[in-house]
Amino acid sequence: MNRIFAVFMVGAFCIAACGCLQESGARDRMLDEKEGRIPGYSQALLAVKTFMNNASYQPPALAATKEGEYLRLRSENRSFLVDLSSNSVIEAEFEGEDAMREIRGTLAYARAREGIRKFLQDQGFDYPFTRFISSGGYYELGAPGLLFRVNATTGNVATAEFLGPEAMEVVGQMTTYHQITSETAQITMQDSS
């Protein structure tokens, strides 16, 4: 009985080990297959990993399409436009909670957030943004009623939009807003005296 149990356990271990190795091999075969159909796929994936500041970054399955001299890698809520001649991501879009969780750890996101904090004069400002776009030398962080466009080189906010009640809630929580409104109220009171 012990012998049958031991043989069964060894067999189960071998099947599990082969399955794990096969899955890893299958991933490599899929990558080779995509590279064969779409030249530059591996190169583009490496550029995406560089953009994400994470050499082990494994995005969900990405569909690849050729757009002129560029290659677009896209999933449901992520998109990367890669310039194969410079090996760089020239445009990236993230939308939704899962995708935003990935971009929050990057230098691009940190730079955009720091620019927004500087613009708002509120170092504690941390809003749960739902969309990030990197394009044309700018980073955009957005959420319902909010949009900040930050210059990627200087870190300065180029555009800030506050629309609707969600945005006004955010503005109402900012210390700078309270300072400005109290100063404005004091000026108004002095003028009316």
Protein backbone atom coordinates (compact mmCIF):
# COMPACT_ATOMS: atom_id res chain seq x y z
CA MET A 1 0.00 0.00 0.00
CA ASN A 2 2.85 2.38 0.85
CA ARG A 3 4.53 1.48 -2.43
CA ILE A 4 1.39 2.40 -4.43
CA PHE A 5 1.07 5.68 -2.52
CA ALA A 6 4.76 6.51 -3.16
CA VAL A 7 4.41 5.75 -6.89
CA PHE A 8 1.26 7.85 -7.02
CA MET A 9 3.00 10.81 -5.30
CA VAL A 10 6.05 10.60 -7.60
CA GLY A 11 3.74 10.46 -10.62
CA ALA A 12 1.73 13.46 -9.41
CA PHE A 13 4.94 15.42 -8.82
CA CYS A 14 6.23 14.60 -12.31
CA ILE A 15 2.95 15.64 -13.93
CA ALA A 16 2.92 18.90 -11.97
CA ALA A 17 6.57 19.63 -12.80
CA CYS A 18 6.09 18.88 -16.49
CA GLY A 19 3.00 21.07 -16.57
CA CYS A 20 4.91 23.99 -15.03
CA LEU A 21 7.81 23.60 -17.41
CA GLN A 22 5.48 23.23 -20.34
CA GLU A 23 3.58 26.42 -19.41
CA SER A 24 6.84 28.37 -19.30
CA GLY A 25 7.89 26.82 -22.59
CA ALA A 26 4.47 27.60 -24.03
CA ARG A 27 4.94 31.27 -23.15
CA ASP A 28 8.31 31.28 -24.95
CA ARG A 29 6.75 29.54 -27.97
CA MET A 30 3.93 32.11 -28.03
CA LEU A 31 6.48 34.93 -27.98
CA ASP A 32 8.48 33.28 -30.78
CA GLU A 33 5.26 32.75 -32.73
CA LYS A 34 4.24 36.42 -32.35
CA GLU A 35 7.75 37.50 -33.34
CA GLY A 36 7.47 35.36 -36.47
CA ARG A 37 4.13 36.92 -37.44
CA ILE A 38 4.90 40.45 -36.29
CA PRO A 39 8.55 41.45 -36.63
CA GLY A 40 9.71 43.59 -33.73
CA TYR A 41 7.29 42.20 -31.13
CA SER A 42 10.07 41.11 -28.73
CA GLN A 43 11.88 44.40 -29.27
CA ALA A 44 8.66 46.34 -28.54
CA LEU A 45 8.01 44.29 -25.41
CA LEU A 46 11.52 45.15 -24.18
CA ALA A 47 10.80 48.87 -24.79
CA VAL A 48 7.58 48.53 -22.76
CA LYS A 49 9.50 46.93 -19.87
CA THR A 50 11.98 49.83 -19.99
CA PHE A 51 9.13 52.37 -19.95
CA MET A 52 7.60 50.59 -16.95
CA ASN A 53 11.01 50.62 -15.16
CA ASN A 54 10.58 46.90 -14.55
CA ALA A 55 12.60 44.28 -16.44
CA SER A 56 10.28 41.51 -15.23
CA TYR A 57 7.05 43.34 -16.20
CA GLN A 58 4.65 40.88 -17.83
CA PRO A 59 1.65 42.70 -19.26
CA PRO A 60 -1.51 40.74 -19.95
CA ALA A 61 -1.75 39.26 -23.43
CA LEU A 62 -1.10 42.09 -25.86
CA ALA A 63 -2.44 42.25 -29.39
CA ALA A 64 0.09 43.76 -31.76
CA THR A 65 -0.64 45.84 -34.84
CA LYS A 66 1.74 47.62 -37.16
CA GLU A 67 1.06 51.37 -37.53
CA GLY A 68 3.49 52.64 -40.14
CA GLU A 69 6.98 52.38 -38.66
CA TYR A 70 5.51 51.89 -35.18
CA LEU A 71 4.13 48.85 -33.39
CA ARG A 72 1.09 49.19 -31.13
CA LEU A 73 0.74 46.68 -28.29
CA ARG A 74 -2.73 46.74 -26.79
CA SER A 75 -4.81 44.94 -24.20
CA GLU A 76 -8.26 45.77 -22.87
CA ASN A 77 -7.09 48.71 -20.74
CA ARG A 78 -3.45 49.29 -21.72
CA SER A 79 -1.89 50.50 -24.93
CA PHE A 80 1.72 51.15 -25.93
CA LEU A 81 2.89 52.72 -29.19
CA VAL A 82 6.52 51.73 -29.72
CA ASP A 83 9.01 53.33 -32.10
CA LEU A 84 11.10 50.35 -33.18
CA SER A 85 13.89 52.52 -34.62
CA SER A 86 14.57 54.17 -31.24
CA ASN A 87 13.36 51.27 -29.05
CA SER A 88 11.15 53.61 -27.07
CA VAL A 89 7.52 53.90 -26.04
CA ILE A 90 6.24 57.12 -27.60
CA GLU A 91 2.69 56.79 -26.31
CA ALA A 92 1.20 54.82 -23.42
CA GLU A 93 -2.35 54.69 -22.09
CA PHE A 94 -3.68 53.07 -18.92
CA GLU A 95 -7.28 53.06 -17.79
CA GLY A 96 -8.98 51.31 -14.90
CA GLU A 97 -7.92 50.15 -11.48
CA ASP A 98 -5.72 47.19 -12.51
CA ALA A 99 -3.85 49.16 -15.16
CA MET A 100 -3.41 52.16 -12.86
CA ARG A 101 -1.92 49.90 -10.18
CA GLU A 102 0.83 49.01 -12.67
CA ILE A 103 1.67 52.57 -13.77
CA ARG A 104 1.76 53.98 -10.22
CA GLY A 105 5.17 52.42 -9.65
CA THR A 106 6.82 54.15 -12.61
CA LEU A 107 8.94 57.27 -12.84
CA ALA A 108 6.49 58.79 -15.33
CA TYR A 109 3.60 58.58 -12.86
CA ALA A 110 5.74 59.87 -9.99
CA ARG A 111 6.88 62.85 -12.08
CA ALA A 112 3.30 63.68 -13.09
CA ARG A 113 2.04 63.40 -9.51
CA GLU A 114 4.89 65.58 -8.24
CA GLY A 115 4.10 68.24 -10.86
CA ILE A 116 0.45 68.24 -9.79
CA ARG A 117 1.40 68.55 -6.12
CA LYS A 118 3.70 71.46 -6.93
CA PHE A 119 0.97 73.14 -9.00
CA LEU A 120 -1.61 72.72 -6.24
CA GLN A 121 0.96 73.63 -3.56
CA ASP A 122 -0.19 70.56 -1.64
CA GLN A 123 2.47 67.88 -1.07
CA GLY A 124 -0.11 65.56 0.47
CA PHE A 125 -2.37 65.55 -2.59
CA ASP A 126 -2.91 61.96 -3.72
CA TYR A 127 -6.02 61.31 -5.75
CA PRO A 128 -7.13 57.89 -7.08
CA PHE A 129 -6.78 58.75 -10.75
CA THR A 130 -8.40 56.35 -13.20
CA ARG A 131 -6.53 57.23 -16.40
CA PHE A 132 -2.89 57.89 -17.33
CA ILE A 133 -1.64 58.88 -20.78
CA SER A 134 1.93 59.57 -21.84
CA SER A 135 2.05 61.21 -25.26
CA GLY A 136 3.83 64.00 -27.09
CA GLY A 137 6.07 65.00 -24.21
CA TYR A 138 3.19 65.23 -21.72
CA TYR A 139 1.68 63.05 -19.02
CA GLU A 140 -2.05 63.23 -18.42
CA LEU A 141 -3.66 62.07 -15.20
CA GLY A 142 -7.43 62.03 -15.20
CA ALA A 143 -10.51 60.99 -13.29
CA PRO A 144 -14.20 61.91 -13.58
CA GLY A 145 -14.24 65.72 -13.59
CA LEU A 146 -10.44 66.08 -13.25
CA LEU A 147 -7.64 66.33 -15.78
CA PHE A 148 -4.03 67.38 -15.30
CA ARG A 149 -1.60 67.63 -18.22
CA VAL A 150 2.02 67.75 -17.04
CA ASN A 151 5.07 68.58 -19.17
CA ALA A 152 7.23 65.43 -19.05
CA THR A 153 10.48 67.41 -19.23
CA THR A 154 9.87 70.29 -16.82
CA GLY A 155 7.30 68.67 -14.54
CA ASN A 156 5.09 71.77 -14.78
CA VAL A 157 1.32 71.49 -15.10
CA ALA A 158 0.33 72.79 -18.54
CA THR A 159 -3.43 72.22 -18.16
CA ALA A 160 -5.71 71.66 -15.18
CA GLU A 161 -9.43 71.05 -15.61
CA PHE A 162 -11.92 70.81 -12.76
CA LEU A 163 -15.45 69.99 -13.92
CA GLY A 164 -18.47 68.90 -11.94
CA PRO A 165 -19.18 67.99 -8.33
CA GLU A 166 -16.42 65.34 -8.07
CA ALA A 167 -13.81 67.94 -8.95
CA MET A 168 -15.23 70.45 -6.50
CA GLU A 169 -14.97 67.85 -3.72
CA VAL A 170 -11.28 67.45 -4.54
CA VAL A 171 -10.75 71.20 -4.69
CA GLY A 172 -12.56 71.59 -1.36
CA GLN A 173 -10.10 69.19 0.30
CA MET A 174 -7.02 71.11 -0.83
CA THR A 175 -5.29 73.28 1.75
CA THR A 176 -4.32 75.81 -0.94
CA TYR A 177 -7.97 76.29 -1.87
CA HIS A 178 -8.87 77.05 1.74
CA GLN A 179 -5.98 79.52 2.03
CA ILE A 180 -7.05 81.32 -1.16
CA THR A 181 -10.73 81.47 -0.19
CA SER A 182 -9.94 82.81 3.29
CA GLU A 183 -7.57 85.44 1.84
CA THR A 184 -10.21 86.41 -0.72
CA ALA A 185 -12.81 86.71 2.03
CA GLN A 186 -10.47 88.95 4.04
CA ILE A 187 -9.82 91.17 1.01
CA THR A 188 -13.55 91.37 0.30
CA MET A 189 -14.28 92.34 3.91
CA GLN A 190 -11.55 95.03 3.83
CA ASP A 191 -12.91 96.45 0.56
CA SER A 192 -16.45 96.65 1.91
CA SER A 193 -15.35 98.53 5.05
